[in-house]
C-alpha atoms as a PDB file:
ATOM      1  CA  UNK A   1      21.253  33.502   2.101  1.00  0.00           C
ATOM      2  CA  UNK A   2      24.084  33.579  -0.210  1.00  0.00           C
ATOM      3  CA  UNK A   3      26.418  35.816   1.645  1.00  0.00           C
ATOM      4  CA  UNK A   4      25.006  34.939   4.959  1.00  0.00           C
ATOM      5  CA  UNK A   5      23.080  37.934   5.748  1.00  0.00           C
ATOM      6  CA  UNK A   6      19.800  35.893   6.327  1.00  0.00           C
ATOM      7  CA  UNK A   7      19.676  32.855   8.094  1.00  0.00           C
ATOM      8  CA  UNK A   8      16.581  30.980   7.422  1.00  0.00           C
ATOM      9  CA  UNK A   9      15.045  28.442   9.941  1.00  0.00           C
ATOM     10  CA  UNK A  10      11.774  26.638   8.753  1.00  0.00           C
ATOM     11  CA  UNK A  11       9.756  23.817   9.611  1.00  0.00           C
ATOM     12  CA  UNK A  12       7.264  21.776   7.648  1.00  0.00           C
ATOM     13  CA  UNK A  13       5.155  18.469   8.047  1.00  0.00           C
ATOM     14  CA  UNK A  14       5.674  17.823   4.225  1.00  0.00           C
ATOM     15  CA  UNK A  15       8.409  16.110   2.609  1.00  0.00           C
ATOM     16  CA  UNK A  16      11.014  19.250   1.706  1.00  0.00           C
ATOM     17  CA  UNK A  17      12.536  17.137  -1.130  1.00  0.00           C
ATOM     18  CA  UNK A  18       9.317  17.206  -2.716  1.00  0.00           C
ATOM     19  CA  UNK A  19       7.624  20.793  -1.590  1.00  0.00           C
ATOM     20  CA  UNK A  20      10.633  23.488  -0.954  1.00  0.00           C
ATOM     21  CA  UNK A  21      12.255  25.297  -3.999  1.00  0.00           C
ATOM     22  CA  UNK A  22      15.418  23.392  -5.009  1.00  0.00           C
ATOM     23  CA  UNK A  23      17.271  26.417  -4.849  1.00  0.00           C
ATOM     24  CA  UNK A  24      16.698  26.959  -1.099  1.00  0.00           C
ATOM     25  CA  UNK A  25      17.151  23.207  -0.501  1.00  0.00           C
ATOM     26  CA  UNK A  26      20.652  23.198  -2.100  1.00  0.00           C
ATOM     27  CA  UNK A  27      21.490  25.890   0.421  1.00  0.00           C
ATOM     28  CA  UNK A  28      20.010  24.249   3.642  1.00  0.00           C
ATOM     29  CA  UNK A  29      20.834  21.849   5.835  1.00  0.00           C
ATOM     30  CA  UNK A  30      17.612  19.485   6.430  1.00  0.00           C
ATOM     31  CA  UNK A  31      17.181  17.933   9.997  1.00  0.00           C
ATOM     32  CA  UNK A  32      14.351  15.040   9.940  1.00  0.00           C
ATOM     33  CA  UNK A  33      12.281  15.065  13.381  1.00  0.00           C
ATOM     34  CA  UNK A  34      11.275  11.404  14.138  1.00  0.00           C
ATOM     35  CA  UNK A  35       8.226  10.242  16.058  1.00  0.00           C
ATOM     36  CA  UNK A  36       8.469  10.023  19.470  1.00  0.00           C
ATOM     37  CA  UNK A  37       8.410   6.793  20.741  1.00  0.00           C
ATOM     38  CA  UNK A  38       5.765   5.554  23.776  1.00  0.00           C
ATOM     39  CA  UNK A  39       8.585   5.468  26.359  1.00  0.00           C
ATOM     40  CA  UNK A  40       9.840   8.857  25.347  1.00  0.00           C
ATOM     41  CA  UNK A  41       6.192  10.074  25.543  1.00  0.00           C
ATOM     42  CA  UNK A  42       5.439   8.852  28.965  1.00  0.00           C
ATOM     43  CA  UNK A  43       8.306  10.986  30.499  1.00  0.00           C
ATOM     44  CA  UNK A  44       6.522  14.018  28.901  1.00  0.00           C
ATOM     45  CA  UNK A  45       3.109  12.738  30.413  1.00  0.00           C
ATOM     46  CA  UNK A  46       4.643  12.412  33.818  1.00  0.00           C
ATOM     47  CA  UNK A  47       6.059  15.988  33.830  1.00  0.00           C
ATOM     48  CA  UNK A  48       2.610  17.241  32.342  1.00  0.00           C
ATOM     49  CA  UNK A  49       0.976  15.593  35.544  1.00  0.00           C
ATOM     50  CA  UNK A  50       3.416  17.172  37.853  1.00  0.00           C
ATOM     51  CA  UNK A  51       2.667  20.546  36.244  1.00  0.00           C
ATOM     52  CA  UNK A  52      -0.841  20.221  36.565  1.00  0.00           C
ATOM     53  CA  UNK A  53      -0.613  19.138  40.369  1.00  0.00           C
ATOM     54  CA  UNK A  54       1.231  22.678  40.705  1.00  0.00           C
ATOM     55  CA  UNK A  55      -1.172  24.333  38.730  1.00  0.00           C
ATOM     56  CA  UNK A  56      -4.315  23.021  40.442  1.00  0.00           C
ATOM     57  CA  UNK A  57      -3.158  22.277  43.811  1.00  0.00           C
ATOM     58  CA  UNK A  58      -4.149  18.657  43.834  1.00  0.00           C
ATOM     59  CA  UNK A  59      -2.579  15.348  44.346  1.00  0.00           C
ATOM     60  CA  UNK A  60      -2.961  13.362  41.444  1.00  0.00           C
ATOM     61  CA  UNK A  61      -3.392   9.204  41.819  1.00  0.00           C
ATOM     62  CA  UNK A  62      -2.807   7.441  38.725  1.00  0.00           C
ATOM     63  CA  UNK A  63      -4.226   3.738  38.229  1.00  0.00           C
ATOM     64  CA  UNK A  64      -1.926   1.491  36.923  1.00  0.00           C
ATOM     65  CA  UNK A  65      -1.436   1.788  33.233  1.00  0.00           C
ATOM     66  CA  UNK A  66      -3.428   5.175  32.659  1.00  0.00           C
ATOM     67  CA  UNK A  67      -0.567   7.097  32.019  1.00  0.00           C
ATOM     68  CA  UNK A  68       1.099   4.430  29.858  1.00  0.00           C
ATOM     69  CA  UNK A  69      -2.244   4.068  28.033  1.00  0.00           C
ATOM     70  CA  UNK A  70      -2.054   8.006  27.169  1.00  0.00           C
ATOM     71  CA  UNK A  71       1.614   7.755  25.901  1.00  0.00           C
ATOM     72  CA  UNK A  72       0.839   5.044  23.717  1.00  0.00           C
ATOM     73  CA  UNK A  73      -2.430   6.506  22.346  1.00  0.00           C
ATOM     74  CA  UNK A  74      -1.254   9.863  21.484  1.00  0.00           C
ATOM     75  CA  UNK A  75       1.023   8.177  18.537  1.00  0.00           C
ATOM     76  CA  UNK A  76       3.859  10.157  18.972  1.00  0.00           C
ATOM     77  CA  UNK A  77       1.879  13.670  19.073  1.00  0.00           C
ATOM     78  CA  UNK A  78       2.645  14.988  22.353  1.00  0.00           C
ATOM     79  CA  UNK A  79       0.293  17.840  21.997  1.00  0.00           C
ATOM     80  CA  UNK A  80      -2.623  15.197  21.980  1.00  0.00           C
ATOM     81  CA  UNK A  81      -0.888  13.710  25.179  1.00  0.00           C
ATOM     82  CA  UNK A  82      -0.850  17.048  27.026  1.00  0.00           C
ATOM     83  CA  UNK A  83      -4.387  17.729  26.181  1.00  0.00           C
ATOM     84  CA  UNK A  84      -5.447  14.305  27.569  1.00  0.00           C
ATOM     85  CA  UNK A  85      -3.644  15.114  30.838  1.00  0.00           C
ATOM     86  CA  UNK A  86      -5.559  18.550  31.299  1.00  0.00           C
ATOM     87  CA  UNK A  87      -8.814  17.112  30.604  1.00  0.00           C
ATOM     88  CA  UNK A  88      -8.326  14.570  33.335  1.00  0.00           C
ATOM     89  CA  UNK A  89      -7.583  17.347  35.617  1.00  0.00           C
ATOM     90  CA  UNK A  90     -10.469  19.453  34.184  1.00  0.00           C
ATOM     91  CA  UNK A  91     -13.376  16.837  34.441  1.00  0.00           C
ATOM     92  CA  UNK A  92     -11.904  14.635  37.367  1.00  0.00           C
ATOM     93  CA  UNK A  93     -13.913  14.501  40.521  1.00  0.00           C
ATOM     94  CA  UNK A  94     -11.049  15.104  43.382  1.00  0.00           C
ATOM     95  CA  UNK A  95     -11.661  13.618  46.837  1.00  0.00           C
ATOM     96  CA  UNK A  96      -9.830  15.400  49.858  1.00  0.00           C
ATOM     97  CA  UNK A  97      -7.319  17.065  47.282  1.00  0.00           C
ATOM     98  CA  UNK A  98      -6.637  13.767  45.673  1.00  0.00           C
ATOM     99  CA  UNK A  99      -7.326  13.302  42.031  1.00  0.00           C
ATOM    100  CA  UNK A 100      -7.901   9.530  40.916  1.00  0.00           C
ATOM    101  CA  UNK A 101      -6.646   9.087  37.319  1.00  0.00           C
ATOM    102  CA  UNK A 102      -8.425   5.922  36.293  1.00  0.00           C
ATOM    103  CA  UNK A 103      -7.443   3.795  33.020  1.00  0.00           C
ATOM    104  CA  UNK A 104     -11.187   4.111  31.849  1.00  0.00           C
ATOM    105  CA  UNK A 105     -10.960   8.001  32.027  1.00  0.00           C
ATOM    106  CA  UNK A 106      -7.725   7.868  30.158  1.00  0.00           C
ATOM    107  CA  UNK A 107      -9.332   5.930  27.363  1.00  0.00           C
ATOM    108  CA  UNK A 108     -12.314   8.613  27.508  1.00  0.00           C
ATOM    109  CA  UNK A 109     -10.145  11.319  26.714  1.00  0.00           C
ATOM    110  CA  UNK A 110      -7.995   9.616  24.074  1.00  0.00           C
ATOM    111  CA  UNK A 111     -10.774   8.051  22.204  1.00  0.00           C
ATOM    112  CA  UNK A 112      -8.924   7.305  19.197  1.00  0.00           C
ATOM    113  CA  UNK A 113      -5.193   6.384  18.556  1.00  0.00           C
ATOM    114  CA  UNK A 114      -3.630   9.558  16.969  1.00  0.00           C
ATOM    115  CA  UNK A 115      -2.279   7.784  13.725  1.00  0.00           C
ATOM    116  CA  UNK A 116      -0.160  10.030  11.244  1.00  0.00           C
ATOM    117  CA  UNK A 117      -2.443  10.046   8.030  1.00  0.00           C
ATOM    118  CA  UNK A 118      -1.673  12.475   5.776  1.00  0.00           C
ATOM    119  CA  UNK A 119      -3.613  11.589   2.701  1.00  0.00           C
ATOM    120  CA  UNK A 120      -1.236  13.056   0.461  1.00  0.00           C
ATOM    121  CA  UNK A 121       2.045  12.869   2.109  1.00  0.00           C
ATOM    122  CA  UNK A 122       4.872  10.511   2.857  1.00  0.00           C
ATOM    123  CA  UNK A 123       3.220   8.669   5.576  1.00  0.00           C
ATOM    124  CA  UNK A 124       0.315   8.071   3.357  1.00  0.00           C
ATOM    125  CA  UNK A 125       2.383   6.317   1.094  1.00  0.00           C
ATOM    126  CA  UNK A 126       4.530   4.736   3.429  1.00  0.00           C
ATOM    127  CA  UNK A 127       1.565   2.763   4.667  1.00  0.00           C
ATOM    128  CA  UNK A 128       0.232   1.686   1.474  1.00  0.00           C
ATOM    129  CA  UNK A 129       3.803   0.527   0.432  1.00  0.00           C
ATOM    130  CA  UNK A 130       4.303  -1.402   3.841  1.00  0.00           C
ATOM    131  CA  UNK A 131       0.917  -3.055   3.201  1.00  0.00           C
ATOM    132  CA  UNK A 132       1.753  -4.326  -0.402  1.00  0.00           C
ATOM    133  CA  UNK A 133       5.350  -5.368   0.689  1.00  0.00           C
ATOM    134  CA  UNK A 134       4.131  -7.395   3.588  1.00  0.00           C
ATOM    135  CA  UNK A 135       1.440  -9.177   1.469  1.00  0.00           C
ATOM    136  CA  UNK A 136       4.363  -9.649  -1.133  1.00  0.00           C
ATOM    137  CA  UNK A 137       6.468 -10.951   1.568  1.00  0.00           C
ATOM    138  CA  UNK A 138       3.731 -13.501   2.599  1.00  0.00           C
ATOM    139  CA  UNK A 139       3.524 -12.116   6.067  1.00  0.00           C
ATOM    140  CA  UNK A 140      -0.257 -11.913   6.926  1.00  0.00           C
ATOM    141  CA  UNK A 141       0.293 -10.416  10.558  1.00  0.00           C
ATOM    142  CA  UNK A 142       2.339  -7.606   9.146  1.00  0.00           C
ATOM    143  CA  UNK A 143      -0.245  -7.171   6.264  1.00  0.00           C
ATOM    144  CA  UNK A 144      -3.252  -7.033   8.815  1.00  0.00           C
ATOM    145  CA  UNK A 145      -1.440  -4.695  10.904  1.00  0.00           C
ATOM    146  CA  UNK A 146      -0.692  -2.099   7.926  1.00  0.00           C
ATOM    147  CA  UNK A 147      -4.217  -2.601   6.784  1.00  0.00           C
ATOM    148  CA  UNK A 148      -5.777  -1.962  10.286  1.00  0.00           C
ATOM    149  CA  UNK A 149      -3.554   1.481  10.466  1.00  0.00           C
ATOM    150  CA  UNK A 150      -5.094   2.576   6.819  1.00  0.00           C
ATOM    151  CA  UNK A 151      -8.696   1.529   8.127  1.00  0.00           C
ATOM    152  CA  UNK A 152      -8.202   3.469  11.190  1.00  0.00           C
ATOM    153  CA  UNK A 153      -6.815   6.452   9.684  1.00  0.00           C
ATOM    154  CA  UNK A 154      -9.825   6.760   7.275  1.00  0.00           C
ATOM    155  CA  UNK A 155      -8.065   5.470   4.296  1.00  0.00           C
ATOM    156  CA  UNK A 156     -10.275   2.534   3.070  1.00  0.00           C
ATOM    157  CA  UNK A 157     -10.607   3.803  -0.514  1.00  0.00           C
ATOM    158  CA  UNK A 158      -6.397   3.958  -1.115  1.00  0.00           C
ATOM    159  CA  UNK A 159      -6.377   0.499   0.933  1.00  0.00           C
ATOM    160  CA  UNK A 160      -9.076  -0.891  -1.498  1.00  0.00           C
ATOM    161  CA  UNK A 161      -7.372   0.463  -4.549  1.00  0.00           C
ATOM    162  CA  UNK A 162      -3.814  -0.907  -3.533  1.00  0.00           C
ATOM    163  CA  UNK A 163      -5.301  -4.404  -2.622  1.00  0.00           C
ATOM    164  CA  UNK A 164      -6.657  -4.817  -6.133  1.00  0.00           C
ATOM    165  CA  UNK A 165      -3.131  -3.834  -7.574  1.00  0.00           C
ATOM    166  CA  UNK A 166      -1.419  -6.562  -5.234  1.00  0.00           C
ATOM    167  CA  UNK A 167      -3.876  -9.242  -6.367  1.00  0.00           C
ATOM    168  CA  UNK A 168      -2.903  -8.499 -10.059  1.00  0.00           C
ATOM    169  CA  UNK A 169       0.908  -7.617  -9.582  1.00  0.00           C
ATOM    170  CA  UNK A 170       2.042  -9.786  -6.627  1.00  0.00           C
ATOM    171  CA  UNK A 171      -0.092 -12.958  -6.959  1.00  0.00           C
ATOM    172  CA  UNK A 172      -1.084 -12.609 -10.523  1.00  0.00           C
ATOM    173  CA  UNK A 173      -0.872 -15.862 -12.624  1.00  0.00           C
ATOM    174  CA  UNK A 174       0.393 -18.196  -9.652  1.00  0.00           C
ATOM    175  CA  UNK A 175      -3.309 -17.933  -8.573  1.00  0.00           C
ATOM    176  CA  UNK A 176      -5.464 -15.871 -11.045  1.00  0.00           C
ATOM    177  CA  UNK A 177      -8.825 -16.737  -9.237  1.00  0.00           C
ATOM    178  CA  UNK A 178      -7.483 -14.119  -6.910  1.00  0.00           C
ATOM    179  CA  UNK A 179      -8.244 -11.252  -8.939  1.00  0.00           C
ATOM    180  CA  UNK A 180     -12.269 -11.540  -9.036  1.00  0.00           C
ATOM    181  CA  UNK A 181     -12.150 -12.732  -5.158  1.00  0.00           C
ATOM    182  CA  UNK A 182     -10.209  -9.412  -4.234  1.00  0.00           C
ATOM    183  CA  UNK A 183     -12.493  -7.181  -6.448  1.00  0.00           C
ATOM    184  CA  UNK A 184     -15.717  -9.150  -4.852  1.00  0.00           C
ATOM    185  CA  UNK A 185     -14.016  -8.206  -1.398  1.00  0.00           C
ATOM    186  CA  UNK A 186     -13.496  -4.647  -2.422  1.00  0.00           C
ATOM    187  CA  UNK A 187     -16.946  -4.015  -3.750  1.00  0.00           C
ATOM    188  CA  UNK A 188     -18.565  -5.560  -0.787  1.00  0.00           C
ATOM    189  CA  UNK A 189     -16.517  -3.347   1.638  1.00  0.00           C
ATOM    190  CA  UNK A 190     -17.557  -0.303  -0.328  1.00  0.00           C
ATOM    191  CA  UNK A 191     -21.104  -1.380   0.062  1.00  0.00           C
ATOM    192  CA  UNK A 192     -20.792  -2.243   3.729  1.00  0.00           C
ATOM    193  CA  UNK A 193     -18.924   0.765   4.683  1.00  0.00           C
ATOM    194  CA  UNK A 194     -17.047   0.820   8.131  1.00  0.00           C
ATOM    195  CA  UNK A 195     -17.008  -1.035  10.289  1.00  0.00           C
ATOM    196  CA  UNK A 196     -18.194  -3.944   8.691  1.00  0.00           C
ATOM    197  CA  UNK A 197     -15.735  -3.222   5.592  1.00  0.00           C
ATOM    198  CA  UNK A 198     -12.993  -4.353   7.563  1.00  0.00           C
ATOM    199  CA  UNK A 199     -14.098  -8.199   7.375  1.00  0.00           C
ATOM    200  CA  UNK A 200     -13.836  -8.688   3.580  1.00  0.00           C
ATOM    201  CA  UNK A 201     -10.713  -6.534   3.585  1.00  0.00           C
ATOM    202  CA  UNK A 202      -9.139  -8.482   6.217  1.00  0.00           C
ATOM    203  CA  UNK A 203     -10.071 -11.809   4.291  1.00  0.00           C
ATOM    204  CA  UNK A 204      -8.558 -10.109   1.126  1.00  0.00           C
ATOM    205  CA  UNK A 205      -5.094  -9.467   2.463  1.00  0.00           C
ATOM    206  CA  UNK A 206      -4.918 -12.628   4.456  1.00  0.00           C
ATOM    207  CA  UNK A 207      -5.768 -14.656   1.549  1.00  0.00           C
ATOM    208  CA  UNK A 208      -3.248 -12.874  -0.659  1.00  0.00           C
ATOM    209  CA  UNK A 209      -0.618 -13.040   2.135  1.00  0.00           C
ATOM    210  CA  UNK A 210      -0.835 -16.547   2.161  1.00  0.00           C
ATOM    211  CA  UNK A 211      -1.271 -17.280  -1.773  1.00  0.00           C
ATOM    212  CA  UNK A 212       1.630 -18.389  -4.032  1.00  0.00           C
ATOM    213  CA  UNK A 213       3.212 -15.707  -5.746  1.00  0.00           C
ATOM    214  CA  UNK A 214       4.131 -14.685  -9.211  1.00  0.00           C
ATOM    215  CA  UNK A 215       4.769 -11.427 -11.103  1.00  0.00           C
ATOM    216  CA  UNK A 216       5.775 -13.102 -14.498  1.00  0.00           C
ATOM    217  CA  UNK A 217       2.556 -11.540 -16.252  1.00  0.00           C
ATOM    218  CA  UNK A 218       3.444  -7.458 -15.898  1.00  0.00           C
ATOM    219  CA  UNK A 219       6.835  -8.248 -16.041  1.00  0.00           C
ATOM    220  CA  UNK A 220       6.485  -9.852 -19.621  1.00  0.00           C
ATOM    221  CA  UNK A 221       4.185  -6.777 -20.433  1.00  0.00           C
ATOM    222  CA  UNK A 222       6.824  -4.318 -19.097  1.00  0.00           C
ATOM    223  CA  UNK A 223       9.432  -5.795 -21.479  1.00  0.00           C
ATOM    224  CA  UNK A 224       7.150  -5.371 -24.234  1.00  0.00           C
ATOM    225  CA  UNK A 225       6.701  -1.849 -23.177  1.00  0.00           C
ATOM    226  CA  UNK A 226       9.906  -1.123 -23.325  1.00  0.00           C
ATOM    227  CA  UNK A 227      10.678  -2.545 -26.927  1.00  0.00           C
ATOM    228  CA  UNK A 228       7.858  -0.553 -27.935  1.00  0.00           C
ATOM    229  CA  UNK A 229       8.910   2.549 -26.565  1.00  0.00           C
ATOM    230  CA  UNK A 230      12.323   1.789 -28.203  1.00  0.00           C
ATOM    231  CA  UNK A 231      10.509   2.011 -31.462  1.00  0.00           C
ATOM    232  CA  UNK A 232      10.912  -2.039 -31.788  1.00  0.00           C
ATOM    233  CA  UNK A 233       7.410  -2.682 -33.511  1.00  0.00           C
ATOM    234  CA  UNK A 234       7.339  -3.493 -37.242  1.00  0.00           C
ATOM    235  CA  UNK A 235       4.701  -4.488 -39.603  1.00  0.00           C
ATOM    236  CA  UNK A 236       2.009  -7.035 -38.942  1.00  0.00           C
ATOM    237  CA  UNK A 237       2.548 -10.201 -40.259  1.00  0.00           C
ATOM    238  CA  UNK A 238       0.104 -10.489 -43.420  1.00  0.00           C
ATOM    239  CA  UNK A 239      -1.808 -13.213 -42.116  1.00  0.00           C
ATOM    240  CA  UNK A 240      -2.747 -11.551 -38.726  1.00  0.00           C
ATOM    241  CA  UNK A 241      -4.221  -8.391 -40.652  1.00  0.00           C
ATOM    242  CA  UNK A 242      -7.690  -7.604 -40.742  1.00  0.00           C
ATOM    243  CA  UNK A 243      -9.257  -9.155 -43.908  1.00  0.00           C
ATOM    244  CA  UNK A 244     -11.505  -6.118 -44.060  1.00  0.00           C
ATOM    245  CA  UNK A 245      -8.477  -3.958 -44.493  1.00  0.00           C
ATOM    246  CA  UNK A 246      -8.373  -4.707 -47.905  1.00  0.00           C
ATOM    247  CA  UNK A 247      -9.999  -2.457 -50.612  1.00  0.00           C
ATOM    248  CA  UNK A 248     -12.859  -3.932 -52.321  1.00  0.00           C
ATOM    249  CA  UNK A 249     -12.089  -6.241 -55.491  1.00  0.00           C
ATOM    250  CA  UNK A 250      -8.651  -6.044 -53.992  1.00  0.00           C
ATOM    251  CA  UNK A 251      -8.834  -9.010 -51.505  1.00  0.00           C
ATOM    252  CA  UNK A 252      -5.491 -10.970 -50.874  1.00  0.00           C
ATOM    253  CA  UNK A 253      -5.133 -14.468 -49.617  1.00  0.00           C
ATOM    254  CA  UNK A 254      -4.234 -13.969 -45.953  1.00  0.00           C
ATOM    255  CA  UNK A 255      -2.718 -17.182 -45.256  1.00  0.00           C
ATOM    256  CA  UNK A 256      -4.066 -17.474 -41.655  1.00  0.00           C
ATOM    257  CA  UNK A 257      -3.947 -20.766 -40.114  1.00  0.00           C
ATOM    258  CA  UNK A 258      -7.248 -21.131 -37.857  1.00  0.00           C
ATOM    259  CA  UNK A 259      -5.665 -22.742 -34.520  1.00  0.00           C
ATOM    260  CA  UNK A 260      -9.190 -24.262 -33.778  1.00  0.00           C
ATOM    261  CA  UNK A 261      -8.997 -26.552 -36.823  1.00  0.00           C
ATOM    262  CA  UNK A 262      -5.892 -28.253 -35.752  1.00  0.00           C
ATOM    263  CA  UNK A 263      -4.972 -30.836 -33.074  1.00  0.00           C
ATOM    264  CA  UNK A 264      -4.974 -29.324 -29.324  1.00  0.00           C
ATOM    265  CA  UNK A 265      -6.376 -25.987 -31.210  1.00  0.00           C
ATOM    266  CA  UNK A 266      -2.618 -25.035 -32.034  1.00  0.00           C
ATOM    267  CA  UNK A 267      -0.536 -24.812 -35.191  1.00  0.00           C
ATOM    268  CA  UNK A 268       2.686 -23.289 -35.776  1.00  0.00           C
ATOM    269  CA  UNK A 269       2.665 -19.943 -37.202  1.00  0.00           C
ATOM    270  CA  UNK A 270       4.600 -16.564 -36.939  1.00  0.00           C
ATOM    271  CA  UNK A 271       2.587 -13.995 -34.855  1.00  0.00           C
ATOM    272  CA  UNK A 272       5.210 -11.260 -33.848  1.00  0.00           C
ATOM    273  CA  UNK A 273       6.741  -8.976 -36.208  1.00  0.00           C
ATOM    274  CA  UNK A 274       9.374  -9.793 -38.615  1.00  0.00           C
ATOM    275  CA  UNK A 275      11.897  -8.198 -36.578  1.00  0.00           C
ATOM    276  CA  UNK A 276      10.956  -9.255 -33.446  1.00  0.00           C
ATOM    277  CA  UNK A 277      10.811 -13.102 -34.374  1.00  0.00           C
ATOM    278  CA  UNK A 278      12.449 -14.909 -31.512  1.00  0.00           C
ATOM    279  CA  UNK A 279      11.996 -12.773 -28.856  1.00  0.00           C
ATOM    280  CA  UNK A 280      10.563 -13.891 -25.563  1.00  0.00           C
ATOM    281  CA  UNK A 281       8.809 -11.534 -23.174  1.00  0.00           C
ATOM    282  CA  UNK A 282       6.984 -14.410 -20.966  1.00  0.00           C
ATOM    283  CA  UNK A 283       8.873 -16.851 -18.608  1.00  0.00           C
ATOM    284  CA  UNK A 284       6.778 -19.081 -16.566  1.00  0.00           C
ATOM    285  CA  UNK A 285       7.284 -18.567 -12.836  1.00  0.00           C
ATOM    286  CA  UNK A 286       8.128 -21.084 -10.473  1.00  0.00           C
ATOM    287  CA  UNK A 287       4.717 -21.984  -9.428  1.00  0.00           C
ATOM    288  CA  UNK A 288       2.280 -24.910  -9.439  1.00  0.00           C
ATOM    289  CA  UNK A 289      -0.070 -23.562 -12.129  1.00  0.00           C
ATOM    290  CA  UNK A 290       2.278 -21.724 -14.669  1.00  0.00           C
ATOM    291  CA  UNK A 291       4.410 -24.906 -14.455  1.00  0.00           C
ATOM    292  CA  UNK A 292       1.537 -27.159 -15.316  1.00  0.00           C
ATOM    293  CA  UNK A 293       0.652 -24.692 -18.288  1.00  0.00           C
ATOM    294  CA  UNK A 294       4.345 -24.750 -19.301  1.00  0.00           C
ATOM    295  CA  UNK A 295       4.525 -28.670 -19.196  1.00  0.00           C
ATOM    296  CA  UNK A 296       0.975 -28.551 -21.297  1.00  0.00           C
ATOM    297  CA  UNK A 297       2.570 -26.299 -24.009  1.00  0.00           C
ATOM    298  CA  UNK A 298       6.162 -28.064 -23.890  1.00  0.00           C
ATOM    299  CA  UNK A 299       4.357 -31.240 -24.933  1.00  0.00           C
ATOM    300  CA  UNK A 300       2.181 -29.665 -27.611  1.00  0.00           C
ATOM    301  CA  UNK A 301       4.808 -27.361 -29.387  1.00  0.00           C
ATOM    302  CA  UNK A 302       7.246 -29.972 -28.777  1.00  0.00           C
ATOM    303  CA  UNK A 303       9.827 -27.781 -27.021  1.00  0.00           C
ATOM    304  CA  UNK A 304      10.590 -30.180 -24.219  1.00  0.00           C
END
């Protein structure tokens, strides 16, 4: 390859940036073949019909919408479309040299849309990403579309896992009750199986897409994790330690103030390690529930 003695031409259905050795990839030019549109597929379907007419000496008489249905149902896979045309000619009932191609027959030979559904490939994760971003963007129509594609492709377990993630990550503290609701919908779907499973999953997707959104909880934890990974930890304040950690006969006064013994079940005391005093990870998001909590605690703590 280096000196040009070997010319390598290869194709793969996988992402070459993940599955091809970097040494080869760096010396190659990568071309991505896009999925064929229904309009382009229709031209190929018509050519296939013309080819089969010559091959069988029959005159095809397509019903309105029959060829268009095959082109759309093939999902960009021309081999599937060609097979459908061939089956129509093989199984059809010609009359006086004329073969009717009905819409009903077209639906019969393309029983299920040829969705791209590589379980471990890019398209699988693209679908999951599109589902989550549609719900995060509060678009229930797009959410239903991508969920339908996942279910039709037999990816219900992946869809269920992603819906539970979305409940905590994207709706979160703006509507925390959504988490057990979505969990119940997923549990019901797994018990029911398809096709009934689509009902609770559809409810979960639409409910989350139309719910208020907040990511403040996991953003706060991510900030805390970043500090911990940088080594910012420090010793526990003495009053937060487990009292049983002291050796027998060497117990020391903890100095812990029990919040339930104070008005509004709160008392000012240090909780973070000394080196992190004053650090704020959590910021109340702009939604009704979190702002109500902020007003409540601002009043009690006197931080208005």
